[in-house]
């Protein structure tokens, strides 16, 4: 049996941002949904953008900083998704399923990025001790 789950964090972040954008297009055009959407679109796209910047970092400290921004954007995305769910601005069932997927993926991205940061910090400590 094959697992179709993607493990490339960059691709997952890109897919999350793309699916979030498509999801936002399905939201009603009320004031709350518009404001939540503005915040969510920025945060969801920033996750992958900051990971790409981290990938080009010149130092571990800069890498950790950029990944930390990705982690914060993951948290923020999750917040806006939870708020959309809590305020019930969506009515159609299919959009609700997509919202649940986005919530799950935002949590997984948060956990993965947190793990990358933690492991990098641990490796950095080992490196510093060995000098």
N, C-alpha and C. Protein backbone atom coordinates (compact mmCIF):
# COMPACT_ATOMS: atom_id res chain seq x y z
N UNK A 1 0.85 -1.17 0.00
CA UNK A 1 0.00 0.00 0.00
C UNK A 1 0.89 1.24 0.00
N UNK A 2 0.60 2.20 -0.85
CA UNK A 2 1.40 3.41 -0.92
C UNK A 2 0.72 4.53 -0.17
N UNK A 3 1.53 5.39 0.37
CA UNK A 3 1.04 6.55 1.10
C UNK A 3 1.12 7.75 0.18
N UNK A 4 0.00 8.39 -0.10
CA UNK A 4 -0.04 9.53 -1.01
C UNK A 4 0.31 10.84 -0.32
N UNK A 5 0.57 10.82 0.98
CA UNK A 5 0.87 12.03 1.73
C UNK A 5 2.21 12.59 1.27
N UNK A 6 2.25 13.87 0.98
CA UNK A 6 3.49 14.52 0.55
C UNK A 6 4.36 14.79 1.76
N UNK A 7 5.66 14.56 1.59
CA UNK A 7 6.60 14.80 2.68
C UNK A 7 7.54 15.96 2.40
N UNK A 8 7.54 16.51 1.19
CA UNK A 8 8.36 17.67 0.87
C UNK A 8 7.69 18.89 1.48
N UNK A 9 8.30 19.46 2.48
CA UNK A 9 7.70 20.56 3.23
C UNK A 9 7.44 21.78 2.34
N UNK A 10 8.30 22.02 1.37
CA UNK A 10 8.11 23.16 0.48
C UNK A 10 6.86 22.96 -0.39
N UNK A 11 6.69 21.75 -0.90
CA UNK A 11 5.51 21.45 -1.72
C UNK A 11 4.24 21.49 -0.89
N UNK A 12 4.33 21.01 0.34
CA UNK A 12 3.16 21.04 1.22
C UNK A 12 2.76 22.48 1.54
N UNK A 13 3.74 23.33 1.79
CA UNK A 13 3.44 24.73 2.07
C UNK A 13 2.82 25.41 0.85
N UNK A 14 3.34 25.08 -0.33
CA UNK A 14 2.79 25.64 -1.56
C UNK A 14 1.36 25.17 -1.79
N UNK A 15 1.13 23.88 -1.60
CA UNK A 15 -0.22 23.34 -1.77
C UNK A 15 -1.18 23.95 -0.75
N UNK A 16 -0.73 24.11 0.48
CA UNK A 16 -1.56 24.72 1.52
C UNK A 16 -1.97 26.14 1.11
N UNK A 17 -1.02 26.93 0.64
CA UNK A 17 -1.32 28.31 0.23
C UNK A 17 -2.27 28.33 -0.96
N UNK A 18 -2.04 27.45 -1.92
CA UNK A 18 -2.91 27.41 -3.11
C UNK A 18 -4.33 26.99 -2.74
N UNK A 19 -4.45 25.96 -1.92
CA UNK A 19 -5.78 25.50 -1.52
C UNK A 19 -6.48 26.53 -0.65
N UNK A 20 -5.71 27.24 0.16
CA UNK A 20 -6.28 28.31 0.97
C UNK A 20 -6.85 29.40 0.08
N UNK A 21 -6.11 29.78 -0.96
CA UNK A 21 -6.58 30.82 -1.89
C UNK A 21 -7.87 30.39 -2.57
N UNK A 22 -7.93 29.13 -2.99
CA UNK A 22 -9.15 28.62 -3.64
C UNK A 22 -10.31 28.58 -2.65
N UNK A 23 -10.01 28.20 -1.42
CA UNK A 23 -11.03 28.16 -0.38
C UNK A 23 -11.59 29.56 -0.12
N UNK A 24 -10.72 30.54 -0.05
CA UNK A 24 -11.14 31.92 0.20
C UNK A 24 -12.08 32.42 -0.88
N UNK A 25 -11.84 32.00 -2.11
CA UNK A 25 -12.71 32.41 -3.22
C UNK A 25 -14.15 31.92 -3.03
N UNK A 26 -14.33 30.86 -2.26
CA UNK A 26 -15.66 30.28 -2.05
C UNK A 26 -16.40 30.91 -0.87
N UNK A 27 -15.71 31.74 -0.09
CA UNK A 27 -16.35 32.35 1.07
C UNK A 27 -17.34 33.43 0.63
N UNK A 28 -18.38 33.64 1.43
CA UNK A 28 -19.32 34.72 1.12
C UNK A 28 -18.60 36.07 1.21
N UNK A 29 -19.19 37.08 0.66
CA UNK A 29 -18.54 38.39 0.60
C UNK A 29 -18.97 39.33 1.72
N UNK A 30 -19.30 38.77 2.88
CA UNK A 30 -19.64 39.60 4.04
C UNK A 30 -18.40 40.23 4.64
N UNK A 31 -18.59 41.22 5.47
CA UNK A 31 -17.49 41.96 6.08
C UNK A 31 -16.53 41.04 6.84
N UNK A 32 -17.07 40.17 7.68
CA UNK A 32 -16.21 39.29 8.48
C UNK A 32 -15.37 38.38 7.58
N UNK A 33 -16.01 37.74 6.63
CA UNK A 33 -15.29 36.83 5.74
C UNK A 33 -14.21 37.55 4.94
N UNK A 34 -14.50 38.75 4.50
CA UNK A 34 -13.51 39.53 3.74
C UNK A 34 -12.30 39.86 4.61
N UNK A 35 -12.55 40.31 5.81
CA UNK A 35 -11.44 40.68 6.70
C UNK A 35 -10.62 39.44 7.10
N UNK A 36 -11.28 38.36 7.44
CA UNK A 36 -10.57 37.13 7.80
C UNK A 36 -9.76 36.63 6.60
N UNK A 37 -10.35 36.73 5.41
CA UNK A 37 -9.69 36.28 4.19
C UNK A 37 -8.41 37.05 3.92
N UNK A 38 -8.45 38.34 4.11
CA UNK A 38 -7.25 39.17 3.89
C UNK A 38 -6.10 38.73 4.78
N UNK A 39 -6.42 38.48 6.02
CA UNK A 39 -5.38 38.04 6.95
C UNK A 39 -4.89 36.63 6.60
N UNK A 40 -5.82 35.77 6.29
CA UNK A 40 -5.48 34.37 6.01
C UNK A 40 -4.65 34.22 4.75
N UNK A 41 -4.96 34.97 3.70
CA UNK A 41 -4.22 34.84 2.45
C UNK A 41 -2.77 35.26 2.63
N UNK A 42 -2.55 36.29 3.42
CA UNK A 42 -1.18 36.74 3.68
C UNK A 42 -0.41 35.71 4.51
N UNK A 43 -1.03 35.25 5.57
CA UNK A 43 -0.35 34.30 6.46
C UNK A 43 -0.06 32.98 5.76
N UNK A 44 -1.01 32.46 5.03
CA UNK A 44 -0.82 31.15 4.40
C UNK A 44 0.27 31.19 3.33
N UNK A 45 0.36 32.27 2.58
CA UNK A 45 1.40 32.39 1.57
C UNK A 45 2.78 32.65 2.16
N UNK A 46 2.79 33.25 3.32
CA UNK A 46 4.05 33.59 3.98
C UNK A 46 4.77 32.38 4.56
N UNK A 47 4.04 31.32 4.83
CA UNK A 47 4.67 30.12 5.39
C UNK A 47 5.77 29.62 4.44
N UNK A 48 5.39 29.34 3.21
CA UNK A 48 6.35 28.83 2.23
C UNK A 48 7.38 29.86 1.82
N UNK A 49 6.97 31.13 1.72
CA UNK A 49 7.90 32.18 1.32
C UNK A 49 9.05 32.29 2.32
N UNK A 50 8.73 32.21 3.59
CA UNK A 50 9.78 32.30 4.61
C UNK A 50 10.63 31.04 4.68
N UNK A 51 10.05 29.89 4.36
CA UNK A 51 10.85 28.68 4.28
C UNK A 51 11.85 28.77 3.13
N UNK A 52 11.40 29.34 2.01
CA UNK A 52 12.31 29.53 0.87
C UNK A 52 13.44 30.48 1.25
N UNK A 53 13.11 31.55 1.97
CA UNK A 53 14.15 32.47 2.43
C UNK A 53 15.10 31.77 3.40
N UNK A 54 14.56 30.94 4.26
CA UNK A 54 15.40 30.19 5.21
C UNK A 54 16.36 29.28 4.47
N UNK A 55 15.89 28.69 3.39
CA UNK A 55 16.72 27.79 2.61
C UNK A 55 17.95 28.51 2.04
N UNK A 56 17.84 29.81 1.83
CA UNK A 56 18.96 30.58 1.31
C UNK A 56 19.73 31.32 2.39
N UNK A 57 19.46 31.03 3.64
CA UNK A 57 20.12 31.72 4.75
C UNK A 57 21.62 31.46 4.75
N UNK A 58 22.38 32.45 5.18
CA UNK A 58 23.83 32.33 5.22
C UNK A 58 24.33 31.78 6.55
N UNK A 59 23.49 31.88 7.59
CA UNK A 59 23.89 31.38 8.90
C UNK A 59 22.76 30.53 9.49
N UNK A 60 23.12 29.71 10.45
CA UNK A 60 22.08 28.93 11.15
C UNK A 60 21.12 29.84 11.89
N UNK A 61 21.66 30.90 12.48
CA UNK A 61 20.81 31.83 13.22
C UNK A 61 19.75 32.44 12.29
N UNK A 62 20.17 32.84 11.10
CA UNK A 62 19.22 33.40 10.13
C UNK A 62 18.22 32.34 9.68
N UNK A 63 18.70 31.11 9.48
CA UNK A 63 17.81 30.00 9.10
C UNK A 63 16.74 29.81 10.17
N UNK A 64 17.16 29.75 11.42
CA UNK A 64 16.22 29.55 12.53
C UNK A 64 15.24 30.71 12.61
N UNK A 65 15.72 31.93 12.40
CA UNK A 65 14.85 33.10 12.43
C UNK A 65 13.77 33.02 11.36
N UNK A 66 14.16 32.71 10.13
CA UNK A 66 13.19 32.63 9.02
C UNK A 66 12.20 31.48 9.24
N UNK A 67 12.69 30.36 9.72
CA UNK A 67 11.80 29.24 10.00
C UNK A 67 10.86 29.59 11.16
N UNK A 68 11.34 30.40 12.09
CA UNK A 68 10.49 30.87 13.17
C UNK A 68 9.34 31.72 12.65
N UNK A 69 9.62 32.53 11.64
CA UNK A 69 8.56 33.32 11.01
C UNK A 69 7.55 32.39 10.35
N UNK A 70 8.04 31.36 9.67
CA UNK A 70 7.13 30.37 9.06
C UNK A 70 6.24 29.73 10.12
N UNK A 71 6.83 29.42 11.25
CA UNK A 71 6.05 28.81 12.34
C UNK A 71 4.97 29.78 12.82
N UNK A 72 5.31 31.04 12.98
CA UNK A 72 4.32 32.03 13.43
C UNK A 72 3.21 32.20 12.39
N UNK A 73 3.57 32.17 11.12
CA UNK A 73 2.57 32.30 10.06
C UNK A 73 1.66 31.07 10.02
N UNK A 74 2.21 29.90 10.33
CA UNK A 74 1.39 28.69 10.42
C UNK A 74 0.36 28.83 11.54
N UNK A 75 0.82 29.34 12.67
CA UNK A 75 -0.08 29.57 13.80
C UNK A 75 -1.17 30.59 13.44
N UNK A 76 -0.74 31.66 12.76
CA UNK A 76 -1.70 32.69 12.40
C UNK A 76 -2.73 32.14 11.41
N UNK A 77 -2.26 31.38 10.43
CA UNK A 77 -3.19 30.77 9.46
C UNK A 77 -4.22 29.92 10.19
N UNK A 78 -3.72 29.11 11.12
CA UNK A 78 -4.61 28.24 11.89
C UNK A 78 -5.64 29.06 12.66
N UNK A 79 -5.20 30.17 13.22
CA UNK A 79 -6.12 31.04 13.97
C UNK A 79 -7.25 31.53 13.07
N UNK A 80 -6.90 32.06 11.89
CA UNK A 80 -7.93 32.59 11.00
C UNK A 80 -8.87 31.50 10.51
N UNK A 81 -8.32 30.31 10.25
CA UNK A 81 -9.17 29.19 9.84
C UNK A 81 -10.13 28.80 10.96
N UNK A 82 -9.61 28.77 12.19
CA UNK A 82 -10.47 28.43 13.33
C UNK A 82 -11.56 29.48 13.52
N UNK A 83 -11.21 30.74 13.29
CA UNK A 83 -12.19 31.81 13.42
C UNK A 83 -13.27 31.70 12.34
N UNK A 84 -12.87 31.38 11.14
CA UNK A 84 -13.86 31.16 10.07
C UNK A 84 -14.80 30.03 10.45
N UNK A 85 -14.24 28.98 11.02
CA UNK A 85 -15.08 27.84 11.44
C UNK A 85 -15.99 28.25 12.60
N UNK A 86 -15.45 28.95 13.58
CA UNK A 86 -16.22 29.33 14.76
C UNK A 86 -17.36 30.29 14.43
N UNK A 87 -17.15 31.17 13.47
CA UNK A 87 -18.18 32.15 13.13
C UNK A 87 -19.16 31.61 12.08
N UNK A 88 -18.88 30.44 11.58
CA UNK A 88 -19.76 29.76 10.62
C UNK A 88 -20.09 30.63 9.41
N UNK A 89 -19.07 31.30 8.87
CA UNK A 89 -19.31 32.13 7.69
C UNK A 89 -19.48 31.30 6.43
N UNK A 90 -19.11 30.01 6.49
CA UNK A 90 -19.33 29.14 5.33
C UNK A 90 -20.55 28.28 5.58
N UNK A 91 -21.26 28.02 4.53
CA UNK A 91 -22.50 27.25 4.66
C UNK A 91 -22.45 25.93 3.90
N UNK A 92 -21.76 25.91 2.76
CA UNK A 92 -21.79 24.72 1.93
C UNK A 92 -20.92 23.61 2.53
N UNK A 93 -21.38 22.40 2.41
CA UNK A 93 -20.74 21.24 3.02
C UNK A 93 -19.34 20.99 2.46
N UNK A 94 -19.17 21.12 1.14
CA UNK A 94 -17.86 20.89 0.54
C UNK A 94 -16.82 21.86 1.07
N UNK A 95 -17.20 23.12 1.26
CA UNK A 95 -16.28 24.11 1.81
C UNK A 95 -15.91 23.74 3.25
N UNK A 96 -16.85 23.16 3.97
CA UNK A 96 -16.57 22.71 5.33
C UNK A 96 -15.54 21.60 5.36
N UNK A 97 -15.61 20.70 4.40
CA UNK A 97 -14.62 19.62 4.31
C UNK A 97 -13.24 20.19 4.00
N UNK A 98 -13.22 21.16 3.10
CA UNK A 98 -11.93 21.79 2.75
C UNK A 98 -11.38 22.55 3.95
N UNK A 99 -12.24 23.21 4.69
CA UNK A 99 -11.81 23.92 5.89
C UNK A 99 -11.17 22.94 6.88
N UNK A 100 -11.77 21.79 7.07
CA UNK A 100 -11.21 20.79 7.98
C UNK A 100 -9.84 20.33 7.50
N UNK A 101 -9.69 20.13 6.17
CA UNK A 101 -8.39 19.73 5.63
C UNK A 101 -7.36 20.82 5.89
N UNK A 102 -7.74 22.08 5.63
CA UNK A 102 -6.82 23.20 5.84
C UNK A 102 -6.41 23.32 7.31
N UNK A 103 -7.36 23.13 8.20
CA UNK A 103 -7.03 23.17 9.63
C UNK A 103 -6.03 22.08 10.00
N UNK A 104 -6.26 20.87 9.50
CA UNK A 104 -5.34 19.77 9.78
C UNK A 104 -3.96 20.02 9.20
N UNK A 105 -3.92 20.51 7.98
CA UNK A 105 -2.63 20.75 7.33
C UNK A 105 -1.89 21.90 8.00
N UNK A 106 -2.61 22.93 8.45
CA UNK A 106 -1.94 24.03 9.14
C UNK A 106 -1.29 23.54 10.43
N UNK A 107 -1.95 22.64 11.11
CA UNK A 107 -1.38 22.07 12.34
C UNK A 107 -0.15 21.22 12.02
N UNK A 108 -0.24 20.41 10.97
CA UNK A 108 0.90 19.58 10.59
C UNK A 108 2.09 20.43 10.15
N UNK A 109 1.84 21.48 9.38
CA UNK A 109 2.92 22.38 8.98
C UNK A 109 3.58 22.99 10.21
N UNK A 110 2.77 23.41 11.16
CA UNK A 110 3.28 23.97 12.40
C UNK A 110 4.19 22.98 13.12
N UNK A 111 3.74 21.74 13.21
CA UNK A 111 4.54 20.72 13.91
C UNK A 111 5.84 20.40 13.17
N UNK A 112 5.76 20.33 11.86
CA UNK A 112 6.95 20.02 11.07
C UNK A 112 7.97 21.15 11.17
N UNK A 113 7.52 22.37 11.00
CA UNK A 113 8.44 23.52 11.07
C UNK A 113 9.03 23.62 12.48
N UNK A 114 8.23 23.38 13.50
CA UNK A 114 8.73 23.40 14.87
C UNK A 114 9.82 22.34 15.07
N UNK A 115 9.62 21.18 14.49
CA UNK A 115 10.61 20.10 14.59
C UNK A 115 11.91 20.48 13.87
N UNK A 116 11.79 21.11 12.72
CA UNK A 116 12.98 21.56 11.98
C UNK A 116 13.76 22.57 12.82
N UNK A 117 13.06 23.50 13.42
CA UNK A 117 13.72 24.51 14.26
C UNK A 117 14.41 23.84 15.44
N UNK A 118 13.69 22.96 16.12
CA UNK A 118 14.25 22.29 17.29
C UNK A 118 15.51 21.50 16.94
N UNK A 119 15.45 20.75 15.86
CA UNK A 119 16.60 19.93 15.45
C UNK A 119 17.78 20.81 15.03
N UNK A 120 17.50 21.91 14.38
CA UNK A 120 18.57 22.83 13.99
C UNK A 120 19.21 23.45 15.22
N UNK A 121 18.41 23.83 16.19
CA UNK A 121 18.94 24.39 17.43
C UNK A 121 19.78 23.36 18.18
N UNK A 122 19.31 22.12 18.23
CA UNK A 122 20.07 21.06 18.89
C UNK A 122 21.39 20.83 18.19
N UNK A 123 21.38 20.78 16.87
CA UNK A 123 22.61 20.60 16.10
C UNK A 123 23.55 21.78 16.28
N UNK A 124 22.98 22.96 16.38
CA UNK A 124 23.79 24.17 16.59
C UNK A 124 24.48 24.11 17.94
N UNK A 125 23.78 23.64 18.96
CA UNK A 125 24.37 23.51 20.29
C UNK A 125 25.51 22.49 20.27
N UNK A 126 25.28 21.36 19.63
CA UNK A 126 26.32 20.34 19.53
C UNK A 126 27.54 20.88 18.80
N UNK A 127 27.32 21.67 17.77
CA UNK A 127 28.40 22.25 16.99
C UNK A 127 29.20 23.24 17.85
N UNK A 128 28.48 24.09 18.60
CA UNK A 128 29.15 25.09 19.45
C UNK A 128 29.95 24.43 20.55
N UNK A 129 29.43 23.35 21.13
CA UNK A 129 30.13 22.66 22.21
C UNK A 129 31.41 22.03 21.70
N UNK A 130 31.38 21.54 20.48
CA UNK A 130 32.53 20.85 19.91
C UNK A 130 33.65 21.80 19.51
N UNK A 131 33.41 23.10 19.44
CA UNK A 131 34.45 24.05 19.03
C UNK A 131 35.48 24.27 20.09
